[in-house]
C-alpha cells in the first residue's frame, strides 16, 4: 500500500495542484529535545475540490510533474473559514493618547517641512 499523509492545505492557487503542510514532532538523536518539523508537499487535485485550510489525506503516486508525486485521496475536514480584519479595526486597538501624540508629531514635522520648502 502507498504511503499516506494527513496535512493542511496552505495553497490552492494553482490549477489542479494544492500545497499541503504536514506537521510532525521529532526528537533530536543526541540531545533528546523534541521539536516540530513542517514539510510541504505539492499534491495533484484533479477536481480542484480542496480549499485553503482544509484537512486532507494525500497518497504517494507516480511522478505527475517535476514536483508533484502525491495525489489528493480525500478531504477529511473542511475549513471553517477565515477572518479578515478591516483596516479600521487595527486602529481601534491603539490607545487614544498614542494616536493624539502621533498626530501632533506628524503635524509638527509637516510644518517644519513646509518652512524649509518656503526658504
C-alpha atoms as a PDB file:
ATOM      1  CA  UNK A   1       0.000   0.000   0.000  1.00  0.00           C
ATOM      2  CA  UNK A   2       1.197   3.540  -0.798  1.00  0.00           C
ATOM      3  CA  UNK A   3       2.315   5.980   1.862  1.00  0.00           C
ATOM      4  CA  UNK A   4      -0.366   8.325   3.146  1.00  0.00           C
ATOM      5  CA  UNK A   5      -0.028  11.655   4.957  1.00  0.00           C
ATOM      6  CA  UNK A   6      -2.542  13.960   6.616  1.00  0.00           C
ATOM      7  CA  UNK A   7      -1.998  17.714   6.450  1.00  0.00           C
ATOM      8  CA  UNK A   8      -3.481  21.162   5.996  1.00  0.00           C
ATOM      9  CA  UNK A   9      -3.855  22.855   2.587  1.00  0.00           C
ATOM     10  CA  UNK A  10      -1.714  26.003   2.623  1.00  0.00           C
ATOM     11  CA  UNK A  11      -2.153  26.988  -1.032  1.00  0.00           C
ATOM     12  CA  UNK A  12      -4.772  26.208  -3.676  1.00  0.00           C
ATOM     13  CA  UNK A  13      -3.886  28.908  -6.203  1.00  0.00           C
ATOM     14  CA  UNK A  14      -2.507  26.630  -8.936  1.00  0.00           C
ATOM     15  CA  UNK A  15      -4.865  24.693 -11.211  1.00  0.00           C
ATOM     16  CA  UNK A  16      -5.235  21.032 -10.148  1.00  0.00           C
ATOM     17  CA  UNK A  17      -2.435  21.441  -7.592  1.00  0.00           C
ATOM     18  CA  UNK A  18      -2.516  22.047  -3.849  1.00  0.00           C
ATOM     19  CA  UNK A  19       0.292  22.611  -1.380  1.00  0.00           C
ATOM     20  CA  UNK A  20      -0.127  20.566   1.790  1.00  0.00           C
ATOM     21  CA  UNK A  21       1.793  21.260   5.017  1.00  0.00           C
ATOM     22  CA  UNK A  22       2.396  18.194   7.177  1.00  0.00           C
ATOM     23  CA  UNK A  23       3.448  18.842  10.784  1.00  0.00           C
ATOM     24  CA  UNK A  24       5.290  16.183  12.783  1.00  0.00           C
ATOM     25  CA  UNK A  25       7.126  16.012  16.116  1.00  0.00           C
ATOM     26  CA  UNK A  26      10.654  14.657  16.081  1.00  0.00           C
ATOM     27  CA  UNK A  27      13.285  14.042  18.750  1.00  0.00           C
ATOM     28  CA  UNK A  28      16.894  15.083  18.306  1.00  0.00           C
ATOM     29  CA  UNK A  29      19.060  11.938  18.373  1.00  0.00           C
ATOM     30  CA  UNK A  30      21.764  13.353  20.645  1.00  0.00           C
ATOM     31  CA  UNK A  31      20.047  15.977  22.817  1.00  0.00           C
ATOM     32  CA  UNK A  32      16.631  14.248  23.100  1.00  0.00           C
ATOM     33  CA  UNK A  33      14.787  17.546  22.679  1.00  0.00           C
ATOM     34  CA  UNK A  34      11.512  17.399  20.799  1.00  0.00           C
ATOM     35  CA  UNK A  35      10.810  19.865  18.008  1.00  0.00           C
ATOM     36  CA  UNK A  36       8.197  20.322  15.299  1.00  0.00           C
ATOM     37  CA  UNK A  37       9.009  19.839  11.645  1.00  0.00           C
ATOM     38  CA  UNK A  38       6.779  21.237   8.901  1.00  0.00           C
ATOM     39  CA  UNK A  39       7.127  19.706   5.465  1.00  0.00           C
ATOM     40  CA  UNK A  40       5.376  20.984   2.353  1.00  0.00           C
ATOM     41  CA  UNK A  41       4.188  18.669  -0.411  1.00  0.00           C
ATOM     42  CA  UNK A  42       2.695  19.519  -3.809  1.00  0.00           C
ATOM     43  CA  UNK A  43      -0.280  17.232  -4.443  1.00  0.00           C
ATOM     44  CA  UNK A  44      -2.448  16.641  -7.502  1.00  0.00           C
ATOM     45  CA  UNK A  45      -6.100  17.687  -7.047  1.00  0.00           C
ATOM     46  CA  UNK A  46      -7.924  16.586 -10.205  1.00  0.00           C
ATOM     47  CA  UNK A  47     -11.309  18.159  -9.378  1.00  0.00           C
ATOM     48  CA  UNK A  48      -9.999  21.257  -7.521  1.00  0.00           C
ATOM     49  CA  UNK A  49     -12.102  20.226  -4.529  1.00  0.00           C
ATOM     50  CA  UNK A  50      -9.664  21.075  -1.702  1.00  0.00           C
ATOM     51  CA  UNK A  51      -9.665  24.662  -0.484  1.00  0.00           C
ATOM     52  CA  UNK A  52      -7.336  26.703   1.713  1.00  0.00           C
ATOM     53  CA  UNK A  53      -7.324  25.455   5.324  1.00  0.00           C
ATOM     54  CA  UNK A  54      -8.891  22.051   4.613  1.00  0.00           C
ATOM     55  CA  UNK A  55      -7.518  18.972   6.361  1.00  0.00           C
ATOM     56  CA  UNK A  56      -6.694  16.434   3.626  1.00  0.00           C
ATOM     57  CA  UNK A  57      -5.332  12.931   3.147  1.00  0.00           C
ATOM     58  CA  UNK A  58      -2.723  12.550   0.372  1.00  0.00           C
ATOM     59  CA  UNK A  59      -1.183   9.359  -1.016  1.00  0.00           C
ATOM     60  CA  UNK A  60       2.089   8.769  -2.788  1.00  0.00           C
ATOM     61  CA  UNK A  61       1.824   8.112  -6.532  1.00  0.00           C
ATOM     62  CA  UNK A  62       3.901   8.059  -9.689  1.00  0.00           C
ATOM     63  CA  UNK A  63       5.534  11.385 -10.606  1.00  0.00           C
ATOM     64  CA  UNK A  64       2.934  13.674 -12.178  1.00  0.00           C
ATOM     65  CA  UNK A  65       5.348  16.561 -12.736  1.00  0.00           C
ATOM     66  CA  UNK A  66       8.763  17.686 -11.528  1.00  0.00           C
ATOM     67  CA  UNK A  67       7.497  18.457  -8.009  1.00  0.00           C
ATOM     68  CA  UNK A  68       4.219  16.503  -7.738  1.00  0.00           C
ATOM     69  CA  UNK A  69       4.439  12.900  -6.556  1.00  0.00           C
ATOM     70  CA  UNK A  70       1.366  12.962  -4.297  1.00  0.00           C
ATOM     71  CA  UNK A  71      -2.363  12.765  -5.067  1.00  0.00           C
ATOM     72  CA  UNK A  72      -5.318  14.006  -3.060  1.00  0.00           C
ATOM     73  CA  UNK A  73      -7.095  10.980  -1.599  1.00  0.00           C
ATOM     74  CA  UNK A  74      -9.920  12.769   0.228  1.00  0.00           C
ATOM     75  CA  UNK A  75     -10.840  15.901   2.131  1.00  0.00           C
ATOM     76  CA  UNK A  76     -11.031  14.821   5.776  1.00  0.00           C
ATOM     77  CA  UNK A  77     -12.366  18.087   7.213  1.00  0.00           C
ATOM     78  CA  UNK A  78     -13.466  21.311   5.520  1.00  0.00           C
ATOM     79  CA  UNK A  79     -12.063  24.625   6.740  1.00  0.00           C
ATOM     80  CA  UNK A  80     -14.423  26.640   8.906  1.00  0.00           C
ATOM     81  CA  UNK A  81     -13.476  29.885   7.148  1.00  0.00           C
ATOM     82  CA  UNK A  82     -11.039  32.692   7.743  1.00  0.00           C
ATOM     83  CA  UNK A  83     -11.459  36.014   9.474  1.00  0.00           C
ATOM     84  CA  UNK A  84     -10.198  39.131   7.727  1.00  0.00           C
ATOM     85  CA  UNK A  85      -9.799  42.289   9.758  1.00  0.00           C
ATOM     86  CA  UNK A  86     -10.875  45.633   8.414  1.00  0.00           C
ATOM     87  CA  UNK A  87      -8.336  48.460   8.404  1.00  0.00           C
ATOM     88  CA  UNK A  88     -10.371  50.424  10.959  1.00  0.00           C
ATOM     89  CA  UNK A  89     -10.260  47.512  13.416  1.00  0.00           C
ATOM     90  CA  UNK A  90      -6.492  47.732  13.729  1.00  0.00           C
ATOM     91  CA  UNK A  91      -6.621  51.453  14.512  1.00  0.00           C
ATOM     92  CA  UNK A  92      -9.231  50.896  17.222  1.00  0.00           C
ATOM     93  CA  UNK A  93      -6.770  48.833  19.257  1.00  0.00           C
ATOM     94  CA  UNK A  94      -4.301  51.748  19.624  1.00  0.00           C
ATOM     95  CA  UNK A  95      -4.961  53.825  22.782  1.00  0.00           C
ATOM     96  CA  UNK A  96      -6.353  57.338  22.253  1.00  0.00           C
ATOM     97  CA  UNK A  97      -3.334  59.047  23.876  1.00  0.00           C
ATOM     98  CA  UNK A  98      -0.859  57.394  21.496  1.00  0.00           C
ATOM     99  CA  UNK A  99      -2.923  58.393  18.456  1.00  0.00           C
ATOM    100  CA  UNK A 100      -3.018  62.050  19.591  1.00  0.00           C
ATOM    101  CA  UNK A 101       0.731  62.051  20.282  1.00  0.00           C
ATOM    102  CA  UNK A 102       1.481  60.606  16.833  1.00  0.00           C
ATOM    103  CA  UNK A 103      -0.815  63.138  15.154  1.00  0.00           C
ATOM    104  CA  UNK A 104       0.958  66.011  16.931  1.00  0.00           C
ATOM    105  CA  UNK A 105       4.379  64.678  15.891  1.00  0.00           C
ATOM    106  CA  UNK A 106       3.340  64.432  12.240  1.00  0.00           C
ATOM    107  CA  UNK A 107       1.775  67.912  12.305  1.00  0.00           C
ATOM    108  CA  UNK A 108       4.982  69.400  13.705  1.00  0.00           C
ATOM    109  CA  UNK A 109       7.065  67.539  11.127  1.00  0.00           C
ATOM    110  CA  UNK A 110       4.786  68.736   8.307  1.00  0.00           C
ATOM    111  CA  UNK A 111       5.044  72.355   9.500  1.00  0.00           C
ATOM    112  CA  UNK A 112       8.845  72.139   9.659  1.00  0.00           C
ATOM    113  CA  UNK A 113       8.998  70.669   6.163  1.00  0.00           C
ATOM    114  CA  UNK A 114       6.755  73.454   4.838  1.00  0.00           C
ATOM    115  CA  UNK A 115       9.005  76.117   6.436  1.00  0.00           C
ATOM    116  CA  UNK A 116      12.113  74.561   4.880  1.00  0.00           C
ATOM    117  CA  UNK A 117      10.478  74.483   1.443  1.00  0.00           C
ATOM    118  CA  UNK A 118       9.453  78.146   1.662  1.00  0.00           C
ATOM    119  CA  UNK A 119      13.051  79.203   2.421  1.00  0.00           C
END
